[in-house]
Every structure is written in C-alpha cells, then in structure tokens.
Amino acid sequence: MFELNNPAVEEKVAKMMRQNHFMHFIGFEVTAVKPGLVEGILPLHSHHRQQNGYAHGGIMTTLCDTVAGFAAFTLLQPNQHVVTAEIKVAYYRPGKADLLYAKGWVDKKGAKLHFCESEVFALNPAGEKIVFAKATASMMVLTDRE
C-alpha cells in the first residue's frame, strides 16, 4: 500500500473535482479517496448513451481516465500534478446499466510516471460486479515551477 504524501489530498481532490467542469457537467461524483485509489459513480441518463441505449464508449473512457488520474494525484507532493501520458481501454461488454461505478488505482508509482489501472462496472441485482471496461494508463508527474 502507498503512504499519503499530502495529508490534505482528500480536500484537494474534492476542490479539483469542483473545478473539473466536464466531470461536473456529466454528473460524476467521487465516492472514495485513499492513497493510490479513487472511486466514483455516474448515474446514466439518455445523453450518456449511444444509439442502442448502451453507455457510450467515450463516457467509459472518460471515467477510466479520471479515476486513474486522480488515484495518481493522491500520491503527489502539494506542488505536483499529473496529466495523462497514455491510456488504453479495453471494452469487455456493452454497458447496459443505470449506474456506473468507476475505480482507479496506482499499480506502480514512479518519479516521472505513475502506472495506473482502472475499471468501469455495474452491479447486478445480486450485487455482483459486471465489468464493462478496463484501462491501463501512464500518468505523467509534473512539478509546479517556483
């Protein structure tokens, strides 16, 4: 497990999510922040769906990217931030659900790159996870210039 480098990271993640206009626009909500891990939910509406009623692939990629990036962000110093250097998303099945869950975590922390994974899923009526998409991502660590 990772140690938290920034004790105010939960507050900082909440502040950055409030400033992330696109995520606010689509209705994404962060539900958990831990060192190297971020989770959230998105209630699906018609504007999140493609022509056959499934969750749009772009929405699932956005969720994978966001939770992976914020998971990497939880491990940074206060004067650092991350941007996505690379992401690869694999779609396991069509996203048929009314509520999407997204979970991102850091697999390997590095000085310049954090290697992350994420997934988007729903829960069936029995509470079992049904995975729609998984991603691997490299998050580039940037340091603010003083």
C-alpha atoms as a PDB file:
ATOM      1  CA  MET A   1       0.000   0.000   0.000  1.00  0.00           C
ATOM      2  CA  PHE A   2       1.050   3.581  -0.516  1.00  0.00           C
ATOM      3  CA  GLU A   3       1.642   6.302   2.025  1.00  0.00           C
ATOM      4  CA  LEU A   4      -0.152   9.592   1.670  1.00  0.00           C
ATOM      5  CA  ASN A   5       2.358  12.335   0.769  1.00  0.00           C
ATOM      6  CA  ASN A   6      -0.185  15.116   1.054  1.00  0.00           C
ATOM      7  CA  PRO A   7      -2.392  14.953   4.153  1.00  0.00           C
ATOM      8  CA  ALA A   8      -4.895  17.382   2.609  1.00  0.00           C
ATOM      9  CA  VAL A   9      -5.299  15.299  -0.552  1.00  0.00           C
ATOM     10  CA  GLU A  10      -8.965  14.391   0.017  1.00  0.00           C
ATOM     11  CA  GLU A  11      -9.822  18.078   0.263  1.00  0.00           C
ATOM     12  CA  LYS A  12      -7.605  18.854  -2.743  1.00  0.00           C
ATOM     13  CA  VAL A  13      -9.263  16.113  -4.838  1.00  0.00           C
ATOM     14  CA  ALA A  14     -12.697  17.481  -3.898  1.00  0.00           C
ATOM     15  CA  LYS A  15     -11.598  21.012  -4.860  1.00  0.00           C
ATOM     16  CA  MET A  16     -10.128  19.867  -8.176  1.00  0.00           C
ATOM     17  CA  MET A  17     -13.273  17.889  -8.980  1.00  0.00           C
ATOM     18  CA  ARG A  18     -15.357  21.023  -8.367  1.00  0.00           C
ATOM     19  CA  GLN A  19     -13.096  22.801 -10.873  1.00  0.00           C
ATOM     20  CA  ASN A  20     -13.340  19.953 -13.386  1.00  0.00           C
ATOM     21  CA  HIS A  21     -16.231  21.389 -15.368  1.00  0.00           C
ATOM     22  CA  PHE A  22     -16.610  18.437 -17.712  1.00  0.00           C
ATOM     23  CA  MET A  23     -16.929  15.866 -14.924  1.00  0.00           C
ATOM     24  CA  HIS A  24     -19.415  18.134 -13.154  1.00  0.00           C
ATOM     25  CA  PHE A  25     -21.315  18.525 -16.428  1.00  0.00           C
ATOM     26  CA  ILE A  26     -21.680  14.764 -16.950  1.00  0.00           C
ATOM     27  CA  GLY A  27     -22.674  14.188 -13.310  1.00  0.00           C
ATOM     28  CA  PHE A  28     -19.727  12.172 -11.990  1.00  0.00           C
ATOM     29  CA  GLU A  29     -19.306  12.033  -8.209  1.00  0.00           C
ATOM     30  CA  VAL A  30     -16.213  10.879  -6.310  1.00  0.00           C
ATOM     31  CA  THR A  31     -17.200   8.457  -3.537  1.00  0.00           C
ATOM     32  CA  ALA A  32     -13.831   7.359  -2.108  1.00  0.00           C
ATOM     33  CA  VAL A  33     -10.306   8.773  -1.923  1.00  0.00           C
ATOM     34  CA  LYS A  34      -7.439   6.758  -0.435  1.00  0.00           C
ATOM     35  CA  PRO A  35      -3.691   6.714  -1.102  1.00  0.00           C
ATOM     36  CA  GLY A  36      -3.372   5.441  -4.668  1.00  0.00           C
ATOM     37  CA  LEU A  37      -7.109   4.798  -5.074  1.00  0.00           C
ATOM     38  CA  VAL A  38     -10.136   6.807  -6.218  1.00  0.00           C
ATOM     39  CA  GLU A  39     -13.701   5.591  -6.776  1.00  0.00           C
ATOM     40  CA  GLY A  40     -16.831   7.269  -8.072  1.00  0.00           C
ATOM     41  CA  ILE A  41     -20.277   6.854  -9.583  1.00  0.00           C
ATOM     42  CA  LEU A  42     -22.175   8.155 -12.590  1.00  0.00           C
ATOM     43  CA  PRO A  43     -25.961   7.803 -12.906  1.00  0.00           C
ATOM     44  CA  LEU A  44     -26.585   7.134 -16.607  1.00  0.00           C
ATOM     45  CA  HIS A  45     -29.029   9.345 -18.475  1.00  0.00           C
ATOM     46  CA  SER A  46     -30.000   9.421 -22.146  1.00  0.00           C
ATOM     47  CA  HIS A  47     -27.194  11.871 -23.008  1.00  0.00           C
ATOM     48  CA  HIS A  48     -24.603   9.332 -21.739  1.00  0.00           C
ATOM     49  CA  ARG A  49     -25.869   6.594 -24.047  1.00  0.00           C
ATOM     50  CA  GLN A  50     -25.159   5.732 -27.650  1.00  0.00           C
ATOM     51  CA  GLN A  51     -27.835   4.942 -30.249  1.00  0.00           C
ATOM     52  CA  ASN A  52     -28.574   1.422 -28.917  1.00  0.00           C
ATOM     53  CA  GLY A  53     -29.003   2.557 -25.320  1.00  0.00           C
ATOM     54  CA  TYR A  54     -25.645   1.371 -24.005  1.00  0.00           C
ATOM     55  CA  ALA A  55     -23.231   3.617 -22.108  1.00  0.00           C
ATOM     56  CA  HIS A  56     -21.177   5.467 -24.734  1.00  0.00           C
ATOM     57  CA  GLY A  57     -17.577   4.265 -25.017  1.00  0.00           C
ATOM     58  CA  GLY A  58     -16.388   7.848 -24.618  1.00  0.00           C
ATOM     59  CA  ILE A  59     -18.104   8.064 -21.232  1.00  0.00           C
ATOM     60  CA  MET A  60     -16.442   4.844 -20.074  1.00  0.00           C
ATOM     61  CA  THR A  61     -13.025   6.043 -21.289  1.00  0.00           C
ATOM     62  CA  THR A  62     -13.553   9.378 -19.529  1.00  0.00           C
ATOM     63  CA  LEU A  63     -14.351   7.610 -16.264  1.00  0.00           C
ATOM     64  CA  CYS A  64     -11.324   5.298 -16.573  1.00  0.00           C
ATOM     65  CA  ASP A  65      -9.041   8.258 -17.267  1.00  0.00           C
ATOM     66  CA  THR A  66     -10.443  10.382 -14.446  1.00  0.00           C
ATOM     67  CA  VAL A  67     -10.252   7.836 -11.629  1.00  0.00           C
ATOM     68  CA  ALA A  68      -6.781   6.658 -12.719  1.00  0.00           C
ATOM     69  CA  GLY A  69      -5.527  10.242 -12.886  1.00  0.00           C
ATOM     70  CA  PHE A  70      -6.911  11.200  -9.507  1.00  0.00           C
ATOM     71  CA  ALA A  71      -5.548   7.967  -7.979  1.00  0.00           C
ATOM     72  CA  ALA A  72      -2.096   9.040  -9.196  1.00  0.00           C
ATOM     73  CA  PHE A  73      -2.738  12.542  -7.892  1.00  0.00           C
ATOM     74  CA  THR A  74      -3.293  11.216  -4.352  1.00  0.00           C
ATOM     75  CA  LEU A  75       0.378  10.204  -4.158  1.00  0.00           C
ATOM     76  CA  LEU A  76       1.890  13.546  -5.153  1.00  0.00           C
ATOM     77  CA  GLN A  77       3.568  16.320  -3.238  1.00  0.00           C
ATOM     78  CA  PRO A  78       1.498  19.526  -2.833  1.00  0.00           C
ATOM     79  CA  ASN A  79       3.426  21.277  -5.671  1.00  0.00           C
ATOM     80  CA  GLN A  80       2.832  18.468  -8.195  1.00  0.00           C
ATOM     81  CA  HIS A  81       0.040  17.410 -10.529  1.00  0.00           C
ATOM     82  CA  VAL A  82      -0.486  14.776 -13.212  1.00  0.00           C
ATOM     83  CA  VAL A  83      -1.622  14.616 -16.811  1.00  0.00           C
ATOM     84  CA  THR A  84      -2.407  11.547 -18.860  1.00  0.00           C
ATOM     85  CA  ALA A  85       0.560  10.461 -20.969  1.00  0.00           C
ATOM     86  CA  GLU A  86      -1.105   7.345 -22.374  1.00  0.00           C
ATOM     87  CA  ILE A  87      -4.276   5.326 -21.877  1.00  0.00           C
ATOM     88  CA  LYS A  88      -5.503   2.053 -23.354  1.00  0.00           C
ATOM     89  CA  VAL A  89      -9.080   0.982 -22.791  1.00  0.00           C
ATOM     90  CA  ALA A  90     -10.494  -2.485 -23.401  1.00  0.00           C
ATOM     91  CA  TYR A  91     -14.274  -2.826 -23.610  1.00  0.00           C
ATOM     92  CA  TYR A  92     -15.452  -6.142 -22.171  1.00  0.00           C
ATOM     93  CA  ARG A  93     -19.149  -5.866 -22.987  1.00  0.00           C
ATOM     94  CA  PRO A  94     -21.802  -3.248 -23.785  1.00  0.00           C
ATOM     95  CA  GLY A  95     -22.538  -1.034 -20.797  1.00  0.00           C
ATOM     96  CA  LYS A  96     -26.174  -1.663 -20.003  1.00  0.00           C
ATOM     97  CA  ALA A  97     -26.900  -0.123 -16.600  1.00  0.00           C
ATOM     98  CA  ASP A  98     -28.489   2.822 -14.867  1.00  0.00           C
ATOM     99  CA  LEU A  99     -25.496   3.458 -12.585  1.00  0.00           C
ATOM    100  CA  LEU A 100     -21.822   3.129 -13.481  1.00  0.00           C
ATOM    101  CA  TYR A 101     -19.110   2.626 -10.892  1.00  0.00           C
ATOM    102  CA  ALA A 102     -15.531   3.639 -11.645  1.00  0.00           C
ATOM    103  CA  LYS A 103     -12.443   2.603  -9.712  1.00  0.00           C
ATOM    104  CA  GLY A 104      -8.857   3.671 -10.383  1.00  0.00           C
ATOM    105  CA  TRP A 105      -5.658   2.702  -8.631  1.00  0.00           C
ATOM    106  CA  VAL A 106      -1.907   3.127  -8.911  1.00  0.00           C
ATOM    107  CA  ASP A 107      -0.145  -0.085  -9.831  1.00  0.00           C
ATOM    108  CA  LYS A 108       3.400   1.380  -9.724  1.00  0.00           C
ATOM    109  CA  LYS A 109       4.439   4.811  -8.521  1.00  0.00           C
ATOM    110  CA  GLY A 110       7.390   6.444 -10.246  1.00  0.00           C
ATOM    111  CA  ALA A 111       9.269   9.732 -10.094  1.00  0.00           C
ATOM    112  CA  LYS A 112       8.072  10.834 -13.553  1.00  0.00           C
ATOM    113  CA  LEU A 113       5.310   8.350 -14.388  1.00  0.00           C
ATOM    114  CA  HIS A 114       2.695   6.563 -12.315  1.00  0.00           C
ATOM    115  CA  PHE A 115       1.355   3.392 -13.913  1.00  0.00           C
ATOM    116  CA  CYS A 116      -2.346   3.065 -13.182  1.00  0.00           C
ATOM    117  CA  GLU A 117      -5.286   0.802 -13.838  1.00  0.00           C
ATOM    118  CA  SER A 118      -8.996   1.472 -13.773  1.00  0.00           C
ATOM    119  CA  GLU A 119     -12.306  -0.152 -14.473  1.00  0.00           C
ATOM    120  CA  VAL A 120     -15.918   0.776 -15.084  1.00  0.00           C
ATOM    121  CA  PHE A 121     -18.604  -1.608 -13.927  1.00  0.00           C
ATOM    122  CA  ALA A 122     -22.166  -2.050 -12.694  1.00  0.00           C
ATOM    123  CA  LEU A 123     -23.680  -4.283 -10.064  1.00  0.00           C
ATOM    124  CA  ASN A 124     -26.299  -6.855 -10.992  1.00  0.00           C
ATOM    125  CA  PRO A 125     -29.373  -7.410  -8.764  1.00  0.00           C
ATOM    126  CA  ALA A 126     -27.366  -9.968  -6.705  1.00  0.00           C
ATOM    127  CA  GLY A 127     -24.676  -7.342  -6.053  1.00  0.00           C
ATOM    128  CA  GLU A 128     -22.096  -9.000  -8.317  1.00  0.00           C
ATOM    129  CA  LYS A 129     -19.744  -6.817 -10.342  1.00  0.00           C
ATOM    130  CA  ILE A 130     -20.207  -6.749 -14.130  1.00  0.00           C
ATOM    131  CA  VAL A 131     -17.146  -5.151 -15.742  1.00  0.00           C
ATOM    132  CA  PHE A 132     -17.757  -3.095 -18.888  1.00  0.00           C
ATOM    133  CA  ALA A 133     -14.299  -1.615 -19.450  1.00  0.00           C
ATOM    134  CA  LYS A 134     -10.772  -1.767 -18.049  1.00  0.00           C
ATOM    135  CA  ALA A 135      -7.877   0.552 -18.718  1.00  0.00           C
ATOM    136  CA  THR A 136      -4.169   0.875 -18.196  1.00  0.00           C
ATOM    137  CA  ALA A 137      -2.772   4.385 -18.083  1.00  0.00           C
ATOM    138  CA  SER A 138       0.507   6.212 -17.617  1.00  0.00           C
ATOM    139  CA  MET A 139       0.169   9.452 -15.675  1.00  0.00           C
ATOM    140  CA  MET A 140       2.967  11.981 -16.105  1.00  0.00           C
ATOM    141  CA  VAL A 141       4.064  13.736 -12.912  1.00  0.00           C
ATOM    142  CA  LEU A 142       4.590  17.489 -13.345  1.00  0.00           C
ATOM    143  CA  THR A 143       6.076  19.850 -10.758  1.00  0.00           C
ATOM    144  CA  ASP A 144       4.999  23.477 -10.494  1.00  0.00           C
ATOM    145  CA  ARG A 145       7.804  25.935 -11.187  1.00  0.00           C
ATOM    146  CA  GLU A 146       8.525  28.173  -8.250  1.00  0.00           C
END
